[in-house]
Amino acid sequence: MEEEEEVQRVLEAIDAIAAGEPPAVRALRLAEMMTSVQERFRERRQQAVREMHDSGMTYRQIAKELNISFGRVRQILAE
């Protein structure tokens, strides 16, 4: 339940961004935020996968655990 509430707070914050601003301003601000959020998610995913590898898991084990390809694990760790 706590995760659902957290997601709801994030969605509400997104909705509030540039509320009342002209469409062009909203679009620019949302695009900037999306870029920042994507970068943060990428960094956190890479950190988690690196921790899995550092704990002794092979690329293939990580791929199976995350339901992604071996090549994708390599890409994530190379980013």
PDB file of N, CA and C in Angstrom:
ATOM      1  N   MET A   1       0.819  -1.190   0.000  1.00  0.00           N
ATOM      2  CA  MET A   1       0.000   0.000   0.000  1.00  0.00           C
ATOM      3  C   MET A   1       0.864   1.255   0.000  1.00  0.00           C
ATOM      4  N   GLU A   2       1.939   1.228   0.764  1.00  0.00           N
ATOM      5  CA  GLU A   2       2.824   2.387   0.849  1.00  0.00           C
ATOM      6  C   GLU A   2       3.409   2.746  -0.516  1.00  0.00           C
ATOM      7  N   GLU A   3       3.779   1.729  -1.307  1.00  0.00           N
ATOM      8  CA  GLU A   3       4.311   1.990  -2.642  1.00  0.00           C
ATOM      9  C   GLU A   3       3.271   2.644  -3.533  1.00  0.00           C
ATOM     10  N   GLU A   4       2.019   2.200  -3.441  1.00  0.00           N
ATOM     11  CA  GLU A   4       0.951   2.788  -4.242  1.00  0.00           C
ATOM     12  C   GLU A   4       0.759   4.255  -3.885  1.00  0.00           C
ATOM     13  N   GLU A   5       0.829   4.580  -2.605  1.00  0.00           N
ATOM     14  CA  GLU A   5       0.692   5.970  -2.167  1.00  0.00           C
ATOM     15  C   GLU A   5       1.853   6.810  -2.664  1.00  0.00           C
ATOM     16  N   GLU A   6       3.040   6.227  -2.634  1.00  0.00           N
ATOM     17  CA  GLU A   6       4.224   6.939  -3.114  1.00  0.00           C
ATOM     18  C   GLU A   6       4.111   7.229  -4.606  1.00  0.00           C
ATOM     19  N   VAL A   7       3.665   6.242  -5.360  1.00  0.00           N
ATOM     20  CA  VAL A   7       3.470   6.430  -6.802  1.00  0.00           C
ATOM     21  C   VAL A   7       2.426   7.511  -7.040  1.00  0.00           C
ATOM     22  N   GLN A   8       1.362   7.494  -6.270  1.00  0.00           N
ATOM     23  CA  GLN A   8       0.307   8.498  -6.424  1.00  0.00           C
ATOM     24  C   GLN A   8       0.850   9.902  -6.153  1.00  0.00           C
ATOM     25  N   ARG A   9       1.698  10.046  -5.140  1.00  0.00           N
ATOM     26  CA  ARG A   9       2.299  11.357  -4.843  1.00  0.00           C
ATOM     27  C   ARG A   9       3.167  11.833  -5.997  1.00  0.00           C
ATOM     28  N   VAL A  10       3.913  10.920  -6.597  1.00  0.00           N
ATOM     29  CA  VAL A  10       4.754  11.276  -7.738  1.00  0.00           C
ATOM     30  C   VAL A  10       3.891  11.727  -8.911  1.00  0.00           C
ATOM     31  N   LEU A  11       2.826  10.993  -9.180  1.00  0.00           N
ATOM     32  CA  LEU A  11       1.937  11.351 -10.291  1.00  0.00           C
ATOM     33  C   LEU A  11       1.277  12.711 -10.056  1.00  0.00           C
ATOM     34  N   GLU A  12       0.896  12.974  -8.824  1.00  0.00           N
ATOM     35  CA  GLU A  12       0.308  14.277  -8.503  1.00  0.00           C
ATOM     36  C   GLU A  12       1.321  15.396  -8.680  1.00  0.00           C
ATOM     37  N   ALA A  13       2.565  15.145  -8.315  1.00  0.00           N
ATOM     38  CA  ALA A  13       3.611  16.149  -8.496  1.00  0.00           C
ATOM     39  C   ALA A  13       3.831  16.425  -9.982  1.00  0.00           C
ATOM     40  N   ILE A  14       3.787  15.383 -10.792  1.00  0.00           N
ATOM     41  CA  ILE A  14       3.924  15.561 -12.242  1.00  0.00           C
ATOM     42  C   ILE A  14       2.778  16.407 -12.767  1.00  0.00           C
ATOM     43  N   ASP A  15       1.571  16.120 -12.325  1.00  0.00           N
ATOM     44  CA  ASP A  15       0.406  16.880 -12.766  1.00  0.00           C
ATOM     45  C   ASP A  15       0.515  18.352 -12.379  1.00  0.00           C
ATOM     46  N   ALA A  16       1.157  18.633 -11.256  1.00  0.00           N
ATOM     47  CA  ALA A  16       1.254  20.002 -10.755  1.00  0.00           C
ATOM     48  C   ALA A  16       2.342  20.815 -11.445  1.00  0.00           C
ATOM     49  N   ILE A  17       3.233  20.155 -12.163  1.00  0.00           N
ATOM     50  CA  ILE A  17       4.335  20.870 -12.810  1.00  0.00           C
ATOM     51  C   ILE A  17       3.781  21.867 -13.812  1.00  0.00           C
ATOM     52  N   ALA A  18       4.147  23.097 -13.606  1.00  0.00           N
ATOM     53  CA  ALA A  18       3.789  24.178 -14.522  1.00  0.00           C
ATOM     54  C   ALA A  18       2.290  24.301 -14.739  1.00  0.00           C
ATOM     55  N   ALA A  19       1.520  23.869 -13.749  1.00  0.00           N
ATOM     56  CA  ALA A  19       0.065  24.003 -13.867  1.00  0.00           C
ATOM     57  C   ALA A  19      -0.275  25.467 -14.107  1.00  0.00           C
ATOM     58  N   GLY A  20      -1.123  25.708 -15.043  1.00  0.00           N
ATOM     59  CA  GLY A  20      -1.529  27.069 -15.367  1.00  0.00           C
ATOM     60  C   GLY A  20      -0.603  27.784 -16.328  1.00  0.00           C
ATOM     61  N   GLU A  21       0.496  27.152 -16.667  1.00  0.00           N
ATOM     62  CA  GLU A  21       1.438  27.755 -17.619  1.00  0.00           C
ATOM     63  C   GLU A  21       0.966  27.484 -19.043  1.00  0.00           C
ATOM     64  N   PRO A  22       1.441  28.259 -19.983  1.00  0.00           N
ATOM     65  CA  PRO A  22       1.100  27.983 -21.387  1.00  0.00           C
ATOM     66  C   PRO A  22       1.595  26.590 -21.795  1.00  0.00           C
ATOM     67  N   PRO A  23       0.949  25.978 -22.779  1.00  0.00           N
ATOM     68  CA  PRO A  23       1.324  24.620 -23.188  1.00  0.00           C
ATOM     69  C   PRO A  23       2.807  24.465 -23.530  1.00  0.00           C
ATOM     70  N   ALA A  24       3.400  25.432 -24.186  1.00  0.00           N
ATOM     71  CA  ALA A  24       4.816  25.320 -24.560  1.00  0.00           C
ATOM     72  C   ALA A  24       5.704  25.259 -23.327  1.00  0.00           C
ATOM     73  N   VAL A  25       5.382  26.054 -22.317  1.00  0.00           N
ATOM     74  CA  VAL A  25       6.164  26.049 -21.078  1.00  0.00           C
ATOM     75  C   VAL A  25       6.007  24.704 -20.375  1.00  0.00           C
ATOM     76  N   ARG A  26       4.772  24.205 -20.294  1.00  0.00           N
ATOM     77  CA  ARG A  26       4.532  22.897 -19.668  1.00  0.00           C
ATOM     78  C   ARG A  26       5.306  21.813 -20.396  1.00  0.00           C
ATOM     79  N   ALA A  27       5.244  21.835 -21.727  1.00  0.00           N
ATOM     80  CA  ALA A  27       5.925  20.801 -22.512  1.00  0.00           C
ATOM     81  C   ALA A  27       7.425  20.824 -22.255  1.00  0.00           C
ATOM     82  N   LEU A  28       8.013  22.007 -22.233  1.00  0.00           N
ATOM     83  CA  LEU A  28       9.456  22.113 -21.996  1.00  0.00           C
ATOM     84  C   LEU A  28       9.830  21.647 -20.591  1.00  0.00           C
ATOM     85  N   ARG A  29       9.081  22.072 -19.602  1.00  0.00           N
ATOM     86  CA  ARG A  29       9.382  21.679 -18.219  1.00  0.00           C
ATOM     87  C   ARG A  29       9.214  20.180 -18.023  1.00  0.00           C
ATOM     88  N   LEU A  30       8.163  19.616 -18.609  1.00  0.00           N
ATOM     89  CA  LEU A  30       7.950  18.176 -18.484  1.00  0.00           C
ATOM     90  C   LEU A  30       9.049  17.384 -19.200  1.00  0.00           C
ATOM     91  N   ALA A  31       9.492  17.862 -20.338  1.00  0.00           N
ATOM     92  CA  ALA A  31      10.574  17.191 -21.065  1.00  0.00           C
ATOM     93  C   ALA A  31      11.865  17.211 -20.254  1.00  0.00           C
ATOM     94  N   GLU A  32      12.147  18.342 -19.619  1.00  0.00           N
ATOM     95  CA  GLU A  32      13.341  18.447 -18.784  1.00  0.00           C
ATOM     96  C   GLU A  32      13.261  17.483 -17.596  1.00  0.00           C
ATOM     97  N   MET A  33      12.087  17.439 -16.986  1.00  0.00           N
ATOM     98  CA  MET A  33      11.912  16.549 -15.846  1.00  0.00           C
ATOM     99  C   MET A  33      12.026  15.091 -16.266  1.00  0.00           C
ATOM    100  N   MET A  34      11.443  14.751 -17.411  1.00  0.00           N
ATOM    101  CA  MET A  34      11.494  13.378 -17.889  1.00  0.00           C
ATOM    102  C   MET A  34      12.942  12.941 -18.112  1.00  0.00           C
ATOM    103  N   THR A  35      13.748  13.817 -18.659  1.00  0.00           N
ATOM    104  CA  THR A  35      15.160  13.507 -18.876  1.00  0.00           C
ATOM    105  C   THR A  35      15.860  13.240 -17.544  1.00  0.00           C
ATOM    106  N   SER A  36      15.595  14.081 -16.565  1.00  0.00           N
ATOM    107  CA  SER A  36      16.210  13.908 -15.241  1.00  0.00           C
ATOM    108  C   SER A  36      15.765  12.615 -14.580  1.00  0.00           C
ATOM    109  N   VAL A  37      14.484  12.322 -14.673  1.00  0.00           N
ATOM    110  CA  VAL A  37      13.950  11.104 -14.054  1.00  0.00           C
ATOM    111  C   VAL A  37      14.524   9.860 -14.734  1.00  0.00           C
ATOM    112  N   GLN A  38      14.587   9.879 -16.051  1.00  0.00           N
ATOM    113  CA  GLN A  38      15.138   8.728 -16.771  1.00  0.00           C
ATOM    114  C   GLN A  38      16.584   8.489 -16.373  1.00  0.00           C
ATOM    115  N   GLU A  39      17.356   9.550 -16.222  1.00  0.00           N
ATOM    116  CA  GLU A  39      18.759   9.415 -15.825  1.00  0.00           C
ATOM    117  C   GLU A  39      18.856   8.821 -14.420  1.00  0.00           C
ATOM    118  N   ARG A  40      18.017   9.284 -13.515  1.00  0.00           N
ATOM    119  CA  ARG A  40      18.044   8.781 -12.146  1.00  0.00           C
ATOM    120  C   ARG A  40      17.679   7.301 -12.111  1.00  0.00           C
ATOM    121  N   PHE A  41      16.627   6.913 -12.856  1.00  0.00           N
ATOM    122  CA  PHE A  41      16.244   5.501 -12.916  1.00  0.00           C
ATOM    123  C   PHE A  41      17.376   4.662 -13.494  1.00  0.00           C
ATOM    124  N   ARG A  42      18.015   5.147 -14.555  1.00  0.00           N
ATOM    125  CA  ARG A  42      19.113   4.416 -15.181  1.00  0.00           C
ATOM    126  C   ARG A  42      20.237   4.191 -14.179  1.00  0.00           C
ATOM    127  N   GLU A  43      20.593   5.250 -13.445  1.00  0.00           N
ATOM    128  CA  GLU A  43      21.672   5.141 -12.459  1.00  0.00           C
ATOM    129  C   GLU A  43      21.327   4.146 -11.361  1.00  0.00           C
ATOM    130  N   ARG A  44      20.098   4.198 -10.862  1.00  0.00           N
ATOM    131  CA  ARG A  44      19.693   3.299  -9.788  1.00  0.00           C
ATOM    132  C   ARG A  44      19.630   1.846 -10.263  1.00  0.00           C
ATOM    133  N   ARG A  45      19.153   1.641 -11.500  1.00  0.00           N
ATOM    134  CA  ARG A  45      19.117   0.280 -12.051  1.00  0.00           C
ATOM    135  C   ARG A  45      20.534  -0.254 -12.198  1.00  0.00           C
ATOM    136  N   GLN A  46      21.422   0.580 -12.726  1.00  0.00           N
ATOM    137  CA  GLN A  46      22.808   0.153 -12.907  1.00  0.00           C
ATOM    138  C   GLN A  46      23.437  -0.198 -11.558  1.00  0.00           C
ATOM    139  N   GLN A  47      23.172   0.608 -10.554  1.00  0.00           N
ATOM    140  CA  GLN A  47      23.709   0.350  -9.227  1.00  0.00           C
ATOM    141  C   GLN A  47      23.213  -0.993  -8.687  1.00  0.00           C
ATOM    142  N   ALA A  48      21.922  -1.271  -8.849  1.00  0.00           N
ATOM    143  CA  ALA A  48      21.363  -2.525  -8.359  1.00  0.00           C
ATOM    144  C   ALA A  48      21.961  -3.726  -9.094  1.00  0.00           C
ATOM    145  N   VAL A  49      22.092  -3.616 -10.411  1.00  0.00           N
ATOM    146  CA  VAL A  49      22.664  -4.712 -11.194  1.00  0.00           C
ATOM    147  C   VAL A  49      24.139  -4.900 -10.826  1.00  0.00           C
ATOM    148  N   ARG A  50      24.842  -3.801 -10.613  1.00  0.00           N
ATOM    149  CA  ARG A  50      26.250  -3.900 -10.206  1.00  0.00           C
ATOM    150  C   ARG A  50      26.359  -4.599  -8.845  1.00  0.00           C
ATOM    151  N   GLU A  51      25.453  -4.282  -7.932  1.00  0.00           N
ATOM    152  CA  GLU A  51      25.460  -4.944  -6.624  1.00  0.00           C
ATOM    153  C   GLU A  51      25.210  -6.444  -6.771  1.00  0.00           C
ATOM    154  N   MET A  52      24.318  -6.809  -7.672  1.00  0.00           N
ATOM    155  CA  MET A  52      24.054  -8.228  -7.915  1.00  0.00           C
ATOM    156  C   MET A  52      25.327  -8.910  -8.426  1.00  0.00           C
ATOM    157  N   HIS A  53      26.010  -8.262  -9.351  1.00  0.00           N
ATOM    158  CA  HIS A  53      27.234  -8.831  -9.923  1.00  0.00           C
ATOM    159  C   HIS A  53      28.342  -8.886  -8.869  1.00  0.00           C
ATOM    160  N   ASP A  54      28.471  -7.812  -8.098  1.00  0.00           N
ATOM    161  CA  ASP A  54      29.504  -7.775  -7.057  1.00  0.00           C
ATOM    162  C   ASP A  54      29.270  -8.825  -5.973  1.00  0.00           C
ATOM    163  N   SER A  55      28.011  -9.230  -5.799  1.00  0.00           N
ATOM    164  CA  SER A  55      27.713 -10.247  -4.788  1.00  0.00           C
ATOM    165  C   SER A  55      28.056 -11.650  -5.277  1.00  0.00           C
ATOM    166  N   GLY A  56      28.481 -11.750  -6.549  1.00  0.00           N
ATOM    167  CA  GLY A  56      28.912 -13.040  -7.074  1.00  0.00           C
ATOM    168  C   GLY A  56      28.032 -13.618  -8.164  1.00  0.00           C
ATOM    169  N   MET A  57      26.950 -12.936  -8.496  1.00  0.00           N
ATOM    170  CA  MET A  57      26.072 -13.449  -9.552  1.00  0.00           C
ATOM    171  C   MET A  57      26.727 -13.243 -10.916  1.00  0.00           C
ATOM    172  N   THR A  58      26.557 -14.220 -11.786  1.00  0.00           N
ATOM    173  CA  THR A  58      27.060 -14.089 -13.146  1.00  0.00           C
ATOM    174  C   THR A  58      26.074 -13.258 -13.971  1.00  0.00           C
ATOM    175  N   TYR A  59      26.536 -12.814 -15.131  1.00  0.00           N
ATOM    176  CA  TYR A  59      25.659 -12.062 -16.025  1.00  0.00           C
ATOM    177  C   TYR A  59      24.430 -12.896 -16.381  1.00  0.00           C
ATOM    178  N   ARG A  60      24.634 -14.171 -16.621  1.00  0.00           N
ATOM    179  CA  ARG A  60      23.516 -15.046 -16.983  1.00  0.00           C
ATOM    180  C   ARG A  60      22.526 -15.210 -15.824  1.00  0.00           C
ATOM    181  N   GLN A  61      23.028 -15.313 -14.610  1.00  0.00           N
ATOM    182  CA  GLN A  61      22.149 -15.416 -13.449  1.00  0.00           C
ATOM    183  C   GLN A  61      21.333 -14.127 -13.271  1.00  0.00           C
ATOM    184  N   ILE A  62      22.004 -13.009 -13.451  1.00  0.00           N
ATOM    185  CA  ILE A  62      21.317 -11.720 -13.340  1.00  0.00           C
ATOM    186  C   ILE A  62      20.243 -11.617 -14.419  1.00  0.00           C
ATOM    187  N   ALA A  63      20.594 -11.993 -15.628  1.00  0.00           N
ATOM    188  CA  ALA A  63      19.640 -11.931 -16.734  1.00  0.00           C
ATOM    189  C   ALA A  63      18.403 -12.769 -16.421  1.00  0.00           C
ATOM    190  N   LYS A  64      18.618 -13.957 -15.916  1.00  0.00           N
ATOM    191  CA  LYS A  64      17.491 -14.832 -15.585  1.00  0.00           C
ATOM    192  C   LYS A  64      16.651 -14.228 -14.469  1.00  0.00           C
ATOM    193  N   GLU A  65      17.293 -13.724 -13.447  1.00  0.00           N
ATOM    194  CA  GLU A  65      16.591 -13.133 -12.303  1.00  0.00           C
ATOM    195  C   GLU A  65      15.746 -11.925 -12.710  1.00  0.00           C
ATOM    196  N   LEU A  66      16.269 -11.112 -13.632  1.00  0.00           N
ATOM    197  CA  LEU A  66      15.577  -9.892 -14.046  1.00  0.00           C
ATOM    198  C   LEU A  66      14.738 -10.084 -15.301  1.00  0.00           C
ATOM    199  N   ASN A  67      14.786 -11.287 -15.860  1.00  0.00           N
ATOM    200  CA  ASN A  67      14.029 -11.588 -17.077  1.00  0.00           C
ATOM    201  C   ASN A  67      14.428 -10.661 -18.232  1.00  0.00           C
ATOM    202  N   ILE A  68      15.740 -10.487 -18.371  1.00  0.00           N
ATOM    203  CA  ILE A  68      16.298  -9.714 -19.478  1.00  0.00           C
ATOM    204  C   ILE A  68      17.391 -10.544 -20.121  1.00  0.00           C
ATOM    205  N   SER A  69      17.889 -10.100 -21.251  1.00  0.00           N
ATOM    206  CA  SER A  69      18.908 -10.876 -21.947  1.00  0.00           C
ATOM    207  C   SER A  69      20.295 -10.671 -21.318  1.00  0.00           C
ATOM    208  N   PHE A  70      21.156 -11.646 -21.573  1.00  0.00           N
ATOM    209  CA  PHE A  70      22.551 -11.560 -21.156  1.00  0.00           C
ATOM    210  C   PHE A  70      23.174 -10.279 -21.702  1.00  0.00           C
ATOM    211  N   GLY A  71      22.892  -9.983 -22.977  1.00  0.00           N
ATOM    212  CA  GLY A  71      23.436  -8.780 -23.613  1.00  0.00           C
ATOM    213  C   GLY A  71      22.962  -7.509 -22.937  1.00  0.00           C
ATOM    214  N   ARG A  72      21.705  -7.502 -22.481  1.00  0.00           N
ATOM    215  CA  ARG A  72      21.175  -6.311 -21.807  1.00  0.00           C
ATOM    216  C   ARG A  72      21.877  -6.109 -20.475  1.00  0.00           C
ATOM    217  N   VAL A  73      22.199  -7.184 -19.773  1.00  0.00           N
ATOM    218  CA  VAL A  73      22.949  -7.064 -18.522  1.00  0.00           C
ATOM    219  C   VAL A  73      24.297  -6.435 -18.816  1.00  0.00           C
ATOM    220  N   ARG A  74      24.953  -6.891 -19.865  1.00  0.00           N
ATOM    221  CA  ARG A  74      26.249  -6.309 -20.244  1.00  0.00           C
ATOM    222  C   ARG A  74      26.114  -4.829 -20.546  1.00  0.00           C
ATOM    223  N   GLN A  75      25.054  -4.456 -21.272  1.00  0.00           N
ATOM    224  CA  GLN A  75      24.829  -3.047 -21.606  1.00  0.00           C
ATOM    225  C   GLN A  75      24.637  -2.207 -20.344  1.00  0.00           C
ATOM    226  N   ILE A  76      23.829  -2.695 -19.440  1.00  0.00           N
ATOM    227  CA  ILE A  76      23.549  -1.946 -18.205  1.00  0.00           C
ATOM    228  C   ILE A  76      24.830  -1.711 -17.425  1.00  0.00           C
ATOM    229  N   LEU A  77      25.648  -2.746 -17.314  1.00  0.00           N
ATOM    230  CA  LEU A  77      26.881  -2.619 -16.544  1.00  0.00           C
ATOM    231  C   LEU A  77      27.942  -1.780 -17.264  1.00  0.00           C
ATOM    232  N   ALA A  78      27.809  -1.656 -18.569  1.00  0.00           N
ATOM    233  CA  ALA A  78      28.782  -0.863 -19.349  1.00  0.00           C
ATOM    234  C   ALA A  78      28.402   0.621 -19.419  1.00  0.00           C
ATOM    235  N   GLU A  79      27.164   0.951 -19.055  1.00  0.00           N
ATOM    236  CA  GLU A  79      26.695   2.338 -19.165  1.00  0.00           C
ATOM    237  C   GLU A  79      27.470   3.255 -18.250  1.00  0.00           C
TER     238      GLU A  79
END
